[in-house]
N, C-alpha and C. Protein backbone atom coordinates (compact mmCIF):
# COMPACT_ATOMS: atom_id res chain seq x y z
N MET A 1 0.85 -1.17 0.00
CA MET A 1 0.00 0.00 0.00
C MET A 1 0.89 1.23 0.00
N GLY A 2 0.68 2.15 -0.95
CA GLY A 2 1.45 3.37 -1.03
C GLY A 2 0.94 4.47 -0.13
N VAL A 3 -0.13 4.21 0.59
CA VAL A 3 -0.72 5.23 1.45
C VAL A 3 0.00 5.24 2.80
N GLN A 4 0.26 6.43 3.29
CA GLN A 4 0.87 6.60 4.60
C GLN A 4 -0.19 7.10 5.57
N VAL A 5 -0.20 6.57 6.79
CA VAL A 5 -1.13 7.00 7.83
C VAL A 5 -0.33 7.78 8.86
N ARG A 6 -0.86 8.95 9.22
CA ARG A 6 -0.16 9.81 10.18
C ARG A 6 -1.18 10.57 11.03
N ALA A 7 -0.70 11.12 12.13
CA ALA A 7 -1.54 11.99 12.95
C ALA A 7 -1.85 13.24 12.13
N GLY A 8 -3.07 13.69 12.22
CA GLY A 8 -3.48 14.90 11.52
C GLY A 8 -3.61 16.05 12.48
N GLY A 9 -3.78 17.23 11.91
CA GLY A 9 -3.93 18.42 12.73
C GLY A 9 -4.82 19.43 12.06
N PRO A 10 -4.97 20.60 12.69
CA PRO A 10 -5.85 21.64 12.15
C PRO A 10 -5.54 22.03 10.69
N ASP A 11 -4.28 21.96 10.28
CA ASP A 11 -3.94 22.34 8.91
C ASP A 11 -4.48 21.34 7.87
N ASP A 12 -4.88 20.16 8.31
CA ASP A 12 -5.40 19.13 7.40
C ASP A 12 -6.91 19.21 7.21
N VAL A 13 -7.56 20.05 7.98
CA VAL A 13 -9.03 20.05 8.06
C VAL A 13 -9.71 20.30 6.72
N GLU A 14 -9.26 21.26 5.95
CA GLU A 14 -9.95 21.55 4.69
C GLU A 14 -9.93 20.34 3.77
N ALA A 15 -8.78 19.68 3.64
CA ALA A 15 -8.69 18.48 2.80
C ALA A 15 -9.55 17.35 3.37
N VAL A 16 -9.59 17.23 4.69
CA VAL A 16 -10.41 16.22 5.35
C VAL A 16 -11.88 16.43 5.03
N LEU A 17 -12.33 17.67 5.05
CA LEU A 17 -13.74 17.95 4.75
C LEU A 17 -14.08 17.63 3.29
N HIS A 18 -13.13 17.84 2.39
CA HIS A 18 -13.36 17.44 0.99
C HIS A 18 -13.52 15.92 0.89
N VAL A 19 -12.69 15.18 1.63
CA VAL A 19 -12.79 13.71 1.65
C VAL A 19 -14.13 13.29 2.24
N LYS A 20 -14.55 13.94 3.34
CA LYS A 20 -15.83 13.60 3.97
C LYS A 20 -16.97 13.78 2.98
N ASN A 21 -17.01 14.92 2.31
CA ASN A 21 -18.11 15.18 1.38
C ASN A 21 -18.10 14.21 0.21
N ALA A 22 -16.95 13.95 -0.36
CA ALA A 22 -16.86 13.00 -1.48
C ALA A 22 -17.27 11.60 -1.03
N SER A 23 -16.86 11.22 0.17
CA SER A 23 -17.22 9.90 0.71
C SER A 23 -18.71 9.79 0.95
N TRP A 24 -19.32 10.85 1.49
CA TRP A 24 -20.76 10.85 1.69
C TRP A 24 -21.47 10.65 0.36
N ARG A 25 -21.02 11.35 -0.67
CA ARG A 25 -21.70 11.24 -1.98
C ARG A 25 -21.62 9.81 -2.52
N SER A 26 -20.53 9.12 -2.24
CA SER A 26 -20.38 7.73 -2.72
C SER A 26 -21.10 6.74 -1.82
N ALA A 27 -20.84 6.82 -0.53
CA ALA A 27 -21.33 5.80 0.40
C ALA A 27 -22.80 5.96 0.74
N TYR A 28 -23.32 7.19 0.71
CA TYR A 28 -24.68 7.44 1.18
C TYR A 28 -25.69 7.65 0.06
N ARG A 29 -25.26 7.45 -1.19
CA ARG A 29 -26.21 7.56 -2.31
C ARG A 29 -27.32 6.54 -2.10
N GLY A 30 -28.56 7.02 -2.13
CA GLY A 30 -29.72 6.16 -1.90
C GLY A 30 -30.09 6.00 -0.44
N LEU A 31 -29.22 6.43 0.46
CA LEU A 31 -29.49 6.34 1.90
C LEU A 31 -29.87 7.69 2.49
N VAL A 32 -29.29 8.74 1.92
CA VAL A 32 -29.52 10.11 2.35
C VAL A 32 -30.13 10.83 1.16
N PRO A 33 -31.10 11.73 1.37
CA PRO A 33 -31.70 12.43 0.24
C PRO A 33 -30.64 13.07 -0.68
N GLN A 34 -30.85 12.93 -1.98
CA GLN A 34 -29.87 13.42 -2.95
C GLN A 34 -29.64 14.92 -2.82
N ASP A 35 -30.68 15.69 -2.48
CA ASP A 35 -30.48 17.14 -2.33
C ASP A 35 -29.53 17.46 -1.17
N VAL A 36 -29.51 16.63 -0.13
CA VAL A 36 -28.56 16.80 0.96
C VAL A 36 -27.15 16.55 0.45
N LEU A 37 -26.97 15.45 -0.30
CA LEU A 37 -25.65 15.13 -0.84
C LEU A 37 -25.18 16.19 -1.82
N ASP A 38 -26.09 16.65 -2.67
CA ASP A 38 -25.74 17.68 -3.66
C ASP A 38 -25.37 19.00 -2.99
N GLY A 39 -25.91 19.25 -1.81
CA GLY A 39 -25.67 20.51 -1.13
C GLY A 39 -24.43 20.53 -0.25
N LEU A 40 -23.71 19.41 -0.18
CA LEU A 40 -22.51 19.38 0.65
C LEU A 40 -21.46 20.33 0.08
N ALA A 41 -20.89 21.14 0.95
CA ALA A 41 -19.86 22.09 0.53
C ALA A 41 -18.88 22.29 1.69
N VAL A 42 -17.66 22.60 1.35
CA VAL A 42 -16.66 22.93 2.35
C VAL A 42 -16.70 24.45 2.51
N THR A 43 -17.24 24.90 3.64
CA THR A 43 -17.37 26.32 3.90
C THR A 43 -16.29 26.78 4.89
N SER A 44 -16.01 28.05 4.89
CA SER A 44 -15.02 28.58 5.83
C SER A 44 -15.50 28.37 7.27
N ARG A 45 -16.80 28.45 7.48
CA ARG A 45 -17.36 28.22 8.81
C ARG A 45 -17.10 26.78 9.27
N ALA A 46 -17.34 25.81 8.39
CA ALA A 46 -17.10 24.41 8.73
C ALA A 46 -15.62 24.15 8.98
N VAL A 47 -14.77 24.73 8.14
CA VAL A 47 -13.32 24.55 8.32
C VAL A 47 -12.91 25.09 9.69
N GLN A 48 -13.37 26.28 10.03
CA GLN A 48 -13.02 26.88 11.33
C GLN A 48 -13.53 26.03 12.49
N ALA A 49 -14.76 25.54 12.40
CA ALA A 49 -15.32 24.72 13.47
C ALA A 49 -14.52 23.44 13.66
N TRP A 50 -14.18 22.78 12.56
CA TRP A 50 -13.39 21.54 12.65
C TRP A 50 -11.98 21.83 13.16
N ARG A 51 -11.38 22.93 12.74
CA ARG A 51 -10.03 23.28 13.24
C ARG A 51 -10.07 23.45 14.76
N GLU A 52 -11.10 24.11 15.25
CA GLU A 52 -11.22 24.29 16.70
C GLU A 52 -11.43 22.95 17.39
N LEU A 53 -12.25 22.10 16.81
CA LEU A 53 -12.52 20.78 17.37
C LEU A 53 -11.24 19.95 17.44
N ILE A 54 -10.50 19.91 16.35
CA ILE A 54 -9.26 19.12 16.30
C ILE A 54 -8.18 19.76 17.16
N GLY A 55 -8.15 21.07 17.20
CA GLY A 55 -7.13 21.77 17.99
C GLY A 55 -7.39 21.73 19.48
N SER A 56 -8.59 21.27 19.89
CA SER A 56 -8.95 21.27 21.31
C SER A 56 -8.15 20.27 22.13
N GLY A 57 -7.62 19.24 21.47
CA GLY A 57 -6.87 18.20 22.18
C GLY A 57 -7.72 17.03 22.63
N GLU A 58 -9.06 17.19 22.65
CA GLU A 58 -9.94 16.08 23.04
C GLU A 58 -10.29 15.20 21.85
N ARG A 59 -10.33 15.78 20.67
CA ARG A 59 -10.63 15.04 19.45
C ARG A 59 -9.32 14.81 18.71
N HIS A 60 -9.14 13.60 18.23
CA HIS A 60 -7.91 13.23 17.55
C HIS A 60 -8.22 12.91 16.09
N LEU A 61 -7.29 13.30 15.23
CA LEU A 61 -7.43 13.10 13.78
C LEU A 61 -6.28 12.26 13.28
N VAL A 62 -6.61 11.26 12.49
CA VAL A 62 -5.62 10.45 11.78
C VAL A 62 -5.97 10.56 10.31
N VAL A 63 -4.96 10.78 9.46
CA VAL A 63 -5.20 10.90 8.03
C VAL A 63 -4.39 9.86 7.28
N GLY A 64 -4.93 9.45 6.13
CA GLY A 64 -4.21 8.61 5.19
C GLY A 64 -3.88 9.45 3.98
N GLU A 65 -2.64 9.40 3.54
CA GLU A 65 -2.20 10.17 2.38
C GLU A 65 -1.66 9.25 1.31
N ASP A 66 -1.94 9.59 0.09
CA ASP A 66 -1.41 8.89 -1.06
C ASP A 66 -0.76 9.95 -1.95
N GLY A 67 0.56 9.91 -2.03
CA GLY A 67 1.28 10.91 -2.82
C GLY A 67 1.09 12.33 -2.28
N GLY A 68 0.95 12.46 -0.96
CA GLY A 68 0.79 13.76 -0.35
C GLY A 68 -0.64 14.27 -0.33
N ARG A 69 -1.57 13.52 -0.91
CA ARG A 69 -2.99 13.91 -0.96
C ARG A 69 -3.77 13.08 0.07
N ILE A 70 -4.56 13.76 0.90
CA ILE A 70 -5.35 13.06 1.91
C ILE A 70 -6.48 12.30 1.21
N THR A 71 -6.54 10.99 1.47
CA THR A 71 -7.52 10.12 0.82
C THR A 71 -8.45 9.43 1.81
N GLY A 72 -8.20 9.64 3.10
CA GLY A 72 -9.04 9.06 4.13
C GLY A 72 -8.67 9.65 5.47
N PHE A 73 -9.59 9.50 6.44
CA PHE A 73 -9.31 10.02 7.78
C PHE A 73 -10.22 9.36 8.80
N SER A 74 -9.84 9.53 10.05
CA SER A 74 -10.64 9.10 11.19
C SER A 74 -10.54 10.18 12.26
N VAL A 75 -11.65 10.42 12.96
CA VAL A 75 -11.69 11.33 14.10
C VAL A 75 -12.24 10.53 15.28
N TYR A 76 -11.59 10.62 16.43
CA TYR A 76 -11.99 9.82 17.59
C TYR A 76 -11.64 10.56 18.88
N GLY A 77 -12.20 10.09 19.97
CA GLY A 77 -11.95 10.67 21.28
C GLY A 77 -12.91 10.06 22.29
N PRO A 78 -13.16 10.78 23.40
CA PRO A 78 -14.08 10.23 24.39
C PRO A 78 -15.49 10.17 23.84
N ALA A 79 -16.27 9.19 24.29
CA ALA A 79 -17.65 9.04 23.83
C ALA A 79 -18.43 10.31 24.12
N GLU A 80 -19.20 10.75 23.14
CA GLU A 80 -19.99 11.97 23.32
C GLU A 80 -21.16 11.76 24.26
N ASP A 81 -21.66 10.55 24.34
CA ASP A 81 -22.77 10.22 25.22
C ASP A 81 -22.20 9.65 26.52
N ALA A 82 -22.30 10.43 27.59
CA ALA A 82 -21.73 10.00 28.87
C ALA A 82 -22.32 8.68 29.35
N GLY A 83 -23.55 8.37 28.93
CA GLY A 83 -24.18 7.12 29.31
C GLY A 83 -23.51 5.90 28.69
N ILE A 84 -22.82 6.12 27.58
CA ILE A 84 -22.12 5.02 26.91
C ILE A 84 -20.73 4.86 27.51
N GLY A 85 -20.04 5.98 27.71
CA GLY A 85 -18.68 5.95 28.25
C GLY A 85 -17.69 5.38 27.26
N GLY A 86 -16.46 5.30 27.68
CA GLY A 86 -15.39 4.78 26.83
C GLY A 86 -14.99 5.78 25.76
N GLY A 87 -14.45 5.25 24.67
CA GLY A 87 -14.04 6.07 23.55
C GLY A 87 -15.00 5.91 22.40
N GLU A 88 -14.86 6.80 21.41
CA GLU A 88 -15.76 6.75 20.26
C GLU A 88 -15.00 7.13 19.00
N VAL A 89 -15.29 6.41 17.93
CA VAL A 89 -14.83 6.80 16.60
C VAL A 89 -15.97 7.61 16.02
N TYR A 90 -15.77 8.93 15.94
CA TYR A 90 -16.84 9.82 15.48
C TYR A 90 -17.03 9.75 13.98
N ALA A 91 -15.95 9.56 13.27
CA ALA A 91 -16.02 9.54 11.80
C ALA A 91 -14.84 8.77 11.26
N ILE A 92 -15.08 8.00 10.22
CA ILE A 92 -14.01 7.36 9.46
C ILE A 92 -14.50 7.30 8.02
N TYR A 93 -13.76 7.97 7.14
CA TYR A 93 -14.15 8.05 5.73
C TYR A 93 -12.93 7.86 4.85
N VAL A 94 -13.14 7.16 3.75
CA VAL A 94 -12.11 6.90 2.76
C VAL A 94 -12.71 7.17 1.39
N LEU A 95 -11.95 7.84 0.52
CA LEU A 95 -12.43 8.06 -0.84
C LEU A 95 -12.74 6.72 -1.50
N ALA A 96 -13.80 6.68 -2.31
CA ALA A 96 -14.26 5.42 -2.93
C ALA A 96 -13.15 4.70 -3.68
N GLU A 97 -12.27 5.45 -4.35
CA GLU A 97 -11.21 4.78 -5.11
C GLU A 97 -10.17 4.10 -4.21
N HIS A 98 -10.27 4.32 -2.88
CA HIS A 98 -9.36 3.68 -1.93
C HIS A 98 -10.07 2.66 -1.05
N TRP A 99 -11.34 2.35 -1.37
CA TRP A 99 -12.03 1.29 -0.64
C TRP A 99 -11.35 -0.03 -0.93
N SER A 100 -11.35 -0.91 0.03
CA SER A 100 -10.78 -2.27 -0.10
C SER A 100 -9.29 -2.26 -0.41
N THR A 101 -8.59 -1.22 0.05
CA THR A 101 -7.13 -1.16 -0.15
C THR A 101 -6.36 -1.38 1.15
N GLY A 102 -7.09 -1.44 2.26
CA GLY A 102 -6.44 -1.54 3.57
C GLY A 102 -6.34 -0.20 4.29
N LEU A 103 -6.68 0.89 3.62
CA LEU A 103 -6.60 2.20 4.25
C LEU A 103 -7.58 2.31 5.42
N GLY A 104 -8.82 1.91 5.23
CA GLY A 104 -9.80 1.96 6.31
C GLY A 104 -9.34 1.15 7.52
N LEU A 105 -8.80 -0.04 7.26
CA LEU A 105 -8.30 -0.89 8.34
C LEU A 105 -7.16 -0.20 9.08
N ALA A 106 -6.24 0.41 8.34
CA ALA A 106 -5.11 1.11 8.97
C ALA A 106 -5.59 2.29 9.82
N LEU A 107 -6.55 3.05 9.30
CA LEU A 107 -7.09 4.18 10.06
C LEU A 107 -7.81 3.71 11.32
N MET A 108 -8.64 2.66 11.20
CA MET A 108 -9.37 2.16 12.35
C MET A 108 -8.42 1.57 13.39
N THR A 109 -7.43 0.83 12.95
CA THR A 109 -6.47 0.23 13.87
C THR A 109 -5.76 1.31 14.66
N ARG A 110 -5.28 2.33 13.97
CA ARG A 110 -4.57 3.43 14.64
C ARG A 110 -5.50 4.14 15.63
N SER A 111 -6.75 4.36 15.24
CA SER A 111 -7.71 5.05 16.10
C SER A 111 -8.02 4.23 17.36
N VAL A 112 -8.33 2.96 17.18
CA VAL A 112 -8.68 2.11 18.31
C VAL A 112 -7.47 1.90 19.23
N ASP A 113 -6.30 1.71 18.65
CA ASP A 113 -5.09 1.56 19.47
C ASP A 113 -4.86 2.81 20.32
N HIS A 114 -5.07 3.99 19.73
CA HIS A 114 -4.86 5.22 20.49
C HIS A 114 -5.93 5.39 21.56
N LEU A 115 -7.17 5.01 21.28
CA LEU A 115 -8.19 5.04 22.32
C LEU A 115 -7.78 4.17 23.50
N ARG A 116 -7.23 3.01 23.19
CA ARG A 116 -6.74 2.09 24.23
C ARG A 116 -5.61 2.75 25.02
N GLU A 117 -4.66 3.39 24.31
CA GLU A 117 -3.55 4.09 24.97
C GLU A 117 -4.05 5.22 25.87
N LEU A 118 -5.17 5.83 25.48
CA LEU A 118 -5.75 6.92 26.27
C LEU A 118 -6.50 6.40 27.50
N GLY A 119 -6.57 5.08 27.65
CA GLY A 119 -7.17 4.48 28.84
C GLY A 119 -8.61 4.03 28.69
N HIS A 120 -9.13 4.06 27.47
CA HIS A 120 -10.51 3.61 27.27
C HIS A 120 -10.56 2.08 27.22
N ASP A 121 -11.57 1.51 27.89
CA ASP A 121 -11.71 0.05 27.89
C ASP A 121 -12.72 -0.45 26.86
N ARG A 122 -13.40 0.50 26.21
CA ARG A 122 -14.32 0.13 25.13
C ARG A 122 -14.39 1.28 24.13
N ALA A 123 -14.87 0.93 22.95
CA ALA A 123 -15.02 1.92 21.88
C ALA A 123 -16.38 1.73 21.23
N GLY A 124 -16.94 2.82 20.76
CA GLY A 124 -18.21 2.77 20.06
C GLY A 124 -18.18 3.63 18.82
N LEU A 125 -19.21 3.48 18.01
CA LEU A 125 -19.38 4.31 16.82
C LEU A 125 -20.82 4.19 16.37
N TRP A 126 -21.24 5.10 15.50
CA TRP A 126 -22.58 5.09 14.92
C TRP A 126 -22.45 4.89 13.43
N VAL A 127 -23.37 4.12 12.85
CA VAL A 127 -23.35 3.85 11.41
C VAL A 127 -24.78 3.85 10.88
N LEU A 128 -24.95 4.40 9.67
CA LEU A 128 -26.27 4.37 9.06
C LEU A 128 -26.74 2.92 8.93
N GLU A 129 -27.97 2.69 9.32
CA GLU A 129 -28.53 1.33 9.28
C GLU A 129 -28.39 0.71 7.89
N GLY A 130 -28.63 1.48 6.84
CA GLY A 130 -28.58 0.97 5.48
C GLY A 130 -27.19 0.85 4.89
N ASN A 131 -26.16 1.27 5.61
CA ASN A 131 -24.79 1.23 5.08
C ASN A 131 -24.17 -0.13 5.37
N THR A 132 -24.61 -1.12 4.59
CA THR A 132 -24.18 -2.50 4.84
C THR A 132 -22.68 -2.69 4.62
N ARG A 133 -22.10 -1.98 3.69
CA ARG A 133 -20.66 -2.10 3.47
C ARG A 133 -19.88 -1.70 4.73
N ALA A 134 -20.24 -0.55 5.31
CA ALA A 134 -19.55 -0.09 6.53
C ALA A 134 -19.84 -1.04 7.70
N ARG A 135 -21.07 -1.50 7.81
CA ARG A 135 -21.40 -2.40 8.91
C ARG A 135 -20.58 -3.69 8.84
N ARG A 136 -20.41 -4.22 7.63
CA ARG A 136 -19.57 -5.43 7.48
C ARG A 136 -18.13 -5.13 7.90
N PHE A 137 -17.62 -3.96 7.50
CA PHE A 137 -16.25 -3.56 7.87
C PHE A 137 -16.12 -3.51 9.40
N TYR A 138 -17.05 -2.84 10.06
CA TYR A 138 -16.97 -2.71 11.52
C TYR A 138 -17.08 -4.06 12.20
N GLU A 139 -17.97 -4.91 11.71
CA GLU A 139 -18.13 -6.23 12.31
C GLU A 139 -16.88 -7.08 12.12
N ARG A 140 -16.25 -7.02 10.95
CA ARG A 140 -14.99 -7.75 10.74
C ARG A 140 -13.91 -7.24 11.69
N PHE A 141 -13.95 -5.94 11.99
CA PHE A 141 -12.95 -5.35 12.89
C PHE A 141 -13.17 -5.78 14.34
N GLY A 142 -14.39 -6.16 14.69
CA GLY A 142 -14.68 -6.59 16.05
C GLY A 142 -15.79 -5.82 16.75
N PHE A 143 -16.36 -4.83 16.07
CA PHE A 143 -17.50 -4.11 16.63
C PHE A 143 -18.76 -4.95 16.46
N ALA A 144 -19.72 -4.76 17.36
CA ALA A 144 -21.00 -5.46 17.27
C ALA A 144 -22.12 -4.49 17.63
N PRO A 145 -23.31 -4.69 17.05
CA PRO A 145 -24.44 -3.82 17.38
C PRO A 145 -24.75 -3.89 18.88
N THR A 146 -25.04 -2.74 19.47
CA THR A 146 -25.38 -2.69 20.90
C THR A 146 -26.89 -2.64 21.13
N GLY A 147 -27.66 -2.47 20.06
CA GLY A 147 -29.11 -2.38 20.19
C GLY A 147 -29.62 -0.95 20.22
N ARG A 148 -28.74 0.02 20.35
CA ARG A 148 -29.17 1.43 20.34
C ARG A 148 -29.41 1.88 18.91
N VAL A 149 -30.52 2.57 18.68
CA VAL A 149 -30.88 3.10 17.37
C VAL A 149 -31.37 4.52 17.55
N GLU A 150 -30.88 5.43 16.73
CA GLU A 150 -31.33 6.83 16.75
C GLU A 150 -31.38 7.35 15.33
N ASP A 151 -32.22 8.35 15.11
CA ASP A 151 -32.19 9.04 13.82
C ASP A 151 -30.94 9.92 13.78
N VAL A 152 -30.35 10.04 12.60
CA VAL A 152 -29.14 10.83 12.44
C VAL A 152 -29.45 12.29 12.74
N PRO A 153 -28.72 12.90 13.69
CA PRO A 153 -28.95 14.31 13.99
C PRO A 153 -28.59 15.18 12.78
N GLY A 154 -29.40 16.18 12.54
CA GLY A 154 -29.10 17.12 11.47
C GLY A 154 -29.57 16.71 10.09
N LEU A 155 -30.11 15.50 9.96
CA LEU A 155 -30.64 15.04 8.68
C LEU A 155 -32.14 14.89 8.80
N PRO A 156 -32.84 14.80 7.66
CA PRO A 156 -34.29 14.61 7.74
C PRO A 156 -34.63 13.38 8.59
N ALA A 157 -35.75 13.46 9.29
CA ALA A 157 -36.18 12.36 10.15
C ALA A 157 -36.32 11.07 9.37
N GLY A 158 -36.14 9.99 10.07
CA GLY A 158 -36.34 8.68 9.45
C GLY A 158 -35.09 8.07 8.84
N ILE A 159 -33.91 8.63 9.14
CA ILE A 159 -32.66 8.02 8.68
C ILE A 159 -31.97 7.46 9.93
N PRO A 160 -32.22 6.18 10.22
CA PRO A 160 -31.69 5.62 11.46
C PRO A 160 -30.21 5.25 11.36
N GLU A 161 -29.55 5.41 12.50
CA GLU A 161 -28.19 4.92 12.62
C GLU A 161 -28.13 4.00 13.83
N LEU A 162 -27.26 3.02 13.71
CA LEU A 162 -27.10 2.00 14.75
C LEU A 162 -25.82 2.25 15.51
N HIS A 163 -25.85 1.97 16.80
CA HIS A 163 -24.64 2.07 17.61
C HIS A 163 -23.95 0.72 17.63
N TYR A 164 -22.65 0.75 17.42
CA TYR A 164 -21.81 -0.44 17.51
C TYR A 164 -20.79 -0.22 18.62
N GLY A 165 -20.38 -1.29 19.28
CA GLY A 165 -19.38 -1.18 20.33
C GLY A 165 -18.47 -2.39 20.34
N MET A 166 -17.35 -2.21 21.02
CA MET A 166 -16.42 -3.31 21.23
C MET A 166 -15.62 -3.06 22.49
N THR A 167 -15.23 -4.14 23.15
CA THR A 167 -14.36 -4.07 24.31
C THR A 167 -12.93 -3.98 23.82
N LEU A 168 -12.17 -3.09 24.45
CA LEU A 168 -10.76 -2.94 24.09
C LEU A 168 -9.91 -3.68 25.12
N GLY A 169 -9.23 -4.68 24.67
CA GLY A 169 -8.31 -5.39 25.55
C GLY A 169 -7.02 -4.60 25.69
N PRO A 170 -6.08 -5.13 26.41
CA PRO A 170 -4.80 -4.43 26.56
C PRO A 170 -4.06 -4.35 25.23
N LEU A 171 -3.17 -3.36 25.14
CA LEU A 171 -2.34 -3.23 23.94
C LEU A 171 -1.47 -4.48 23.78
N PRO A 172 -1.30 -4.93 22.53
CA PRO A 172 -0.42 -6.09 22.30
C PRO A 172 1.02 -5.77 22.72
N GLY A 173 1.71 -6.80 23.20
CA GLY A 173 3.13 -6.67 23.51
C GLY A 173 3.32 -6.15 24.85
């Protein structure tokens, strides 16, 4: 694999948002209303908000680069829902042309390992119910449905997402 995985920072945010939007258009076609996908844009407001989020130190960014171009990323940190606890992978996206290349696995491995290093004993994430490709990926990695279901915040009602979780054992070695 020619892709390199590294820690990301606020300077990577604009490229990360382009990857997020392109990934949504590929992965969520037919799952999210087309007008929502067509309206995705990288705005200065979004860039600033993400830079502040990543610069806060609580949210961590890992990026995958191919020839110096960001082609995938993961954002993770403490679970946003205090009732769940542990760590959470808030987002993991890879450009469609890099699906099934090992980039997603490398990003997830780095994210989960760092959550473990940060002292979390479990990790969770949310996935669109209809995103069977992502669900298979998460299940192969070791995540399992927890039974929690919610509509995706910020999207039209009726788009459910499922919560997945896994126990984090000690770091290898």
